[in-house]
N, C-alpha and C. Protein backbone atom coordinates (compact mmCIF):
# COMPACT_ATOMS: atom_id res chain seq x y z
N MET A 1 7.99 -6.72 -1.08
CA MET A 1 6.61 -6.50 -1.04
C MET A 1 6.74 -4.94 -0.82
N LYS A 2 7.33 -4.41 -0.18
CA LYS A 2 7.57 -2.88 -0.10
C LYS A 2 7.61 -2.23 -1.73
N GLU A 3 8.33 -2.47 -2.07
CA GLU A 3 8.64 -1.94 -3.76
C GLU A 3 6.99 -2.52 -4.37
N LEU A 4 6.69 -3.29 -4.08
CA LEU A 4 5.20 -3.34 -4.73
C LEU A 4 4.22 -2.19 -4.65
N VAL A 5 4.12 -2.12 -3.50
CA VAL A 5 3.33 -1.02 -2.90
C VAL A 5 3.54 0.14 -3.42
N GLU A 6 5.00 0.35 -3.37
CA GLU A 6 5.80 1.53 -3.92
C GLU A 6 5.59 1.99 -5.26
N VAL A 7 5.58 0.65 -6.06
CA VAL A 7 5.10 1.32 -7.48
C VAL A 7 3.80 1.33 -7.86
N ILE A 8 3.08 0.59 -7.29
CA ILE A 8 1.72 0.70 -7.56
C ILE A 8 0.79 2.20 -6.87
N ALA A 9 1.59 2.69 -6.03
CA ALA A 9 1.22 4.09 -5.35
C ALA A 9 1.63 5.04 -6.24
N LYS A 10 2.88 5.11 -7.08
CA LYS A 10 3.33 5.95 -7.57
C LYS A 10 2.84 6.00 -8.77
N ALA A 11 2.29 4.88 -9.29
CA ALA A 11 1.51 4.94 -10.96
C ALA A 11 0.21 5.67 -10.68
N LEU A 12 -0.43 5.83 -9.35
CA LEU A 12 -1.84 6.47 -9.10
C LEU A 12 -1.74 7.99 -8.86
N VAL A 13 -0.66 8.31 -8.39
CA VAL A 13 -1.06 9.66 -8.01
C VAL A 13 -0.01 10.68 -8.73
N ASN A 14 -0.29 12.04 -8.25
CA ASN A 14 0.15 13.16 -9.13
C ASN A 14 1.49 13.84 -8.96
N ASN A 15 1.96 13.23 -7.66
CA ASN A 15 3.06 13.52 -6.96
C ASN A 15 4.01 12.25 -6.53
N PRO A 16 4.64 11.29 -7.35
CA PRO A 16 5.02 10.25 -7.02
C PRO A 16 6.27 10.31 -6.09
N ASP A 17 7.00 11.79 -6.37
CA ASP A 17 7.96 11.62 -5.47
C ASP A 17 7.68 12.05 -3.59
N GLN A 18 6.57 12.32 -3.28
CA GLN A 18 5.86 12.43 -2.28
C GLN A 18 5.62 10.93 -1.59
N VAL A 19 5.63 9.78 -2.33
CA VAL A 19 5.16 8.48 -1.81
C VAL A 19 6.15 7.98 -0.84
N SER A 20 5.82 7.28 -0.08
CA SER A 20 6.74 6.61 0.76
C SER A 20 6.20 5.39 1.37
N VAL A 21 6.94 4.29 1.84
CA VAL A 21 6.18 3.14 2.56
C VAL A 21 7.30 2.51 3.16
N THR A 22 6.79 2.50 4.60
CA THR A 22 7.60 1.73 5.48
C THR A 22 7.28 0.52 6.06
N ALA A 23 8.00 -0.27 6.43
CA ALA A 23 7.51 -1.62 6.95
C ALA A 23 7.64 -1.88 8.51
N ALA A 24 6.73 -2.39 8.71
CA ALA A 24 6.61 -2.44 10.56
C ALA A 24 6.37 -4.11 10.60
N GLU A 25 7.77 -4.89 11.10
CA GLU A 25 7.78 -6.12 11.22
C GLU A 25 6.76 -6.54 12.44
N GLY A 26 5.98 -7.37 12.89
CA GLY A 26 5.31 -7.88 13.88
C GLY A 26 5.59 -9.03 14.14
N ALA A 27 4.96 -9.68 15.01
CA ALA A 27 5.24 -11.36 15.46
C ALA A 27 4.88 -12.33 14.32
N ASN A 28 3.81 -11.86 14.07
CA ASN A 28 3.16 -12.99 12.64
C ASN A 28 2.93 -12.50 11.44
N SER A 29 3.23 -10.77 11.33
CA SER A 29 2.25 -10.10 10.26
C SER A 29 3.56 -9.08 9.87
N THR A 30 3.72 -8.48 8.73
CA THR A 30 4.02 -6.98 8.36
C THR A 30 3.48 -6.07 8.00
N VAL A 31 2.98 -4.62 8.47
CA VAL A 31 2.18 -3.93 8.15
C VAL A 31 3.05 -2.91 7.43
N TYR A 32 2.62 -2.60 6.28
CA TYR A 32 3.03 -1.60 5.32
C TYR A 32 2.26 -0.19 5.31
N GLU A 33 2.79 0.74 5.77
CA GLU A 33 2.48 2.14 5.75
C GLU A 33 2.65 2.95 4.82
N LEU A 34 1.56 3.19 4.22
CA LEU A 34 1.72 4.19 2.69
C LEU A 34 1.67 5.65 2.99
N ARG A 35 2.48 6.49 2.48
CA ARG A 35 2.25 8.00 2.93
C ARG A 35 2.24 8.66 1.74
N VAL A 36 1.17 9.37 1.42
CA VAL A 36 1.34 10.11 0.10
C VAL A 36 0.72 11.56 0.54
N ALA A 37 0.80 12.68 -0.75
CA ALA A 37 0.62 13.62 -0.30
C ALA A 37 -0.93 13.57 0.16
N SER A 38 -1.21 14.93 0.62
CA SER A 38 -2.60 14.94 1.07
C SER A 38 -3.71 15.32 -0.15
N GLU A 39 -2.83 15.92 -1.11
CA GLU A 39 -4.18 15.80 -2.37
C GLU A 39 -4.22 14.75 -3.04
N ASP A 40 -3.51 13.76 -2.66
CA ASP A 40 -3.18 12.39 -3.52
C ASP A 40 -4.08 11.40 -2.76
N MET A 41 -4.56 11.81 -1.64
CA MET A 41 -5.07 10.93 -0.92
C MET A 41 -6.46 10.34 -1.60
N GLY A 42 -7.18 11.17 -1.92
CA GLY A 42 -8.25 10.67 -2.51
C GLY A 42 -8.13 9.58 -3.93
N LYS A 43 -7.10 9.54 -4.53
CA LYS A 43 -6.60 8.78 -5.56
C LYS A 43 -6.35 7.41 -5.62
N ILE A 44 -5.42 7.35 -3.93
CA ILE A 44 -5.55 6.24 -3.52
C ILE A 44 -6.20 5.62 -2.91
N ILE A 45 -7.30 6.46 -2.12
CA ILE A 45 -8.36 5.12 -1.76
C ILE A 45 -9.52 5.20 -2.74
N GLY A 46 -9.78 6.04 -3.53
CA GLY A 46 -10.52 5.63 -4.59
C GLY A 46 -12.11 5.70 -4.20
N LYS A 47 -12.83 5.82 -4.78
CA LYS A 47 -14.30 5.65 -4.76
C LYS A 47 -14.99 4.82 -3.95
N GLN A 48 -15.21 4.87 -2.91
CA GLN A 48 -16.10 3.76 -1.52
C GLN A 48 -15.06 2.99 -1.25
N GLY A 49 -13.51 3.26 -1.78
CA GLY A 49 -12.26 2.73 -1.36
C GLY A 49 -11.72 1.45 -1.66
N ARG A 50 -12.67 1.44 -3.16
CA ARG A 50 -11.96 0.57 -4.15
C ARG A 50 -10.69 0.34 -4.60
N ILE A 51 -10.03 1.19 -4.65
CA ILE A 51 -8.70 1.49 -4.94
C ILE A 51 -8.05 0.74 -3.75
N ALA A 52 -7.88 1.65 -2.82
CA ALA A 52 -7.20 0.96 -1.33
C ALA A 52 -7.74 -0.45 -1.28
N LYS A 53 -8.90 -0.99 -1.09
CA LYS A 53 -9.11 -2.41 -1.05
C LYS A 53 -8.20 -3.18 -2.57
N ALA A 54 -8.13 -3.01 -3.52
CA ALA A 54 -7.35 -3.87 -4.19
C ALA A 54 -5.93 -3.75 -4.07
N ILE A 55 -5.47 -2.59 -3.46
CA ILE A 55 -4.06 -2.43 -3.30
C ILE A 55 -4.00 -3.42 -2.23
N ARG A 56 -4.60 -3.37 -1.11
CA ARG A 56 -4.61 -4.41 -0.18
C ARG A 56 -4.70 -6.07 -0.50
N THR A 57 -5.49 -6.30 -1.48
CA THR A 57 -6.09 -7.51 -1.94
C THR A 57 -4.65 -7.86 -2.98
N VAL A 58 -4.21 -7.25 -3.60
CA VAL A 58 -2.58 -7.65 -4.38
C VAL A 58 -1.40 -8.08 -3.25
N VAL A 59 -1.53 -6.71 -2.48
CA VAL A 59 -0.45 -7.24 -1.52
C VAL A 59 -0.35 -8.58 -0.23
N LYS A 60 -2.03 -8.67 -0.32
CA LYS A 60 -2.19 -10.13 0.59
C LYS A 60 -2.06 -11.25 -0.22
N ALA A 61 -2.42 -10.99 -1.64
CA ALA A 61 -1.86 -12.64 -2.32
C ALA A 61 -0.47 -12.50 -2.35
N ALA A 62 0.32 -11.30 -2.85
CA ALA A 62 1.47 -11.51 -2.83
C ALA A 62 2.33 -12.01 -1.74
N ALA A 63 1.84 -11.73 -0.26
CA ALA A 63 2.45 -12.12 0.97
C ALA A 63 1.98 -13.52 0.86
N THR A 64 1.00 -14.00 0.30
CA THR A 64 0.48 -15.60 0.67
C THR A 64 1.44 -16.35 -0.51
N ARG A 65 1.73 -16.09 -0.91
CA ARG A 65 2.77 -16.80 -2.40
C ARG A 65 4.15 -17.07 -1.46
N GLU A 66 4.58 -16.05 -0.56
CA GLU A 66 5.57 -16.06 0.13
C GLU A 66 5.51 -16.78 1.58
N ASN A 67 4.15 -17.13 1.97
CA ASN A 67 3.67 -17.56 3.04
C ASN A 67 4.23 -16.92 4.08
N LYS A 68 3.76 -15.89 3.79
CA LYS A 68 3.67 -14.59 4.81
C LYS A 68 2.31 -13.88 5.15
N LYS A 69 2.26 -12.94 6.07
CA LYS A 69 0.81 -12.01 6.28
C LYS A 69 1.12 -10.85 6.16
N ALA A 70 0.73 -9.79 5.31
CA ALA A 70 0.98 -8.60 5.44
C ALA A 70 -0.39 -7.92 4.90
N THR A 71 -0.48 -6.62 5.81
CA THR A 71 -1.25 -5.62 5.70
C THR A 71 -0.63 -4.08 5.07
N VAL A 72 -1.80 -3.43 4.55
CA VAL A 72 -1.34 -2.28 4.01
C VAL A 72 -2.34 -1.05 4.91
N GLU A 73 -1.50 0.02 5.45
CA GLU A 73 -2.09 1.25 6.15
C GLU A 73 -2.13 1.99 5.42
N ILE A 74 -2.81 3.34 5.05
CA ILE A 74 -2.83 4.20 4.11
C ILE A 74 -3.01 5.36 5.54
N VAL A 75 -1.87 6.07 5.48
CA VAL A 75 -1.60 7.00 6.37
C VAL A 75 -1.72 8.56 5.73
C-alpha cells in the first residue's frame, strides 16, 4: 500500500526524489503520511482537493480489497 501511494505521488510531482511516505499503524487502521516538496503541494492537492480525494479513494479501495482500513494524510 505504501508503494502505491509513492508511485502515484511521484507521477504527479516535479521533484519525485523528495516524495516520502511513512506508515503509522493504528489499532484498526493504517495512516499513510505523504510528504512532498512545498512547490509540489498544489499538484498533489489539486483544484478544490480533487487529486487528493482521488488518491485517498484509490488507497481506501485497495485497503478494502485486503480487508483493512487505510487513510492518507498529506503533510
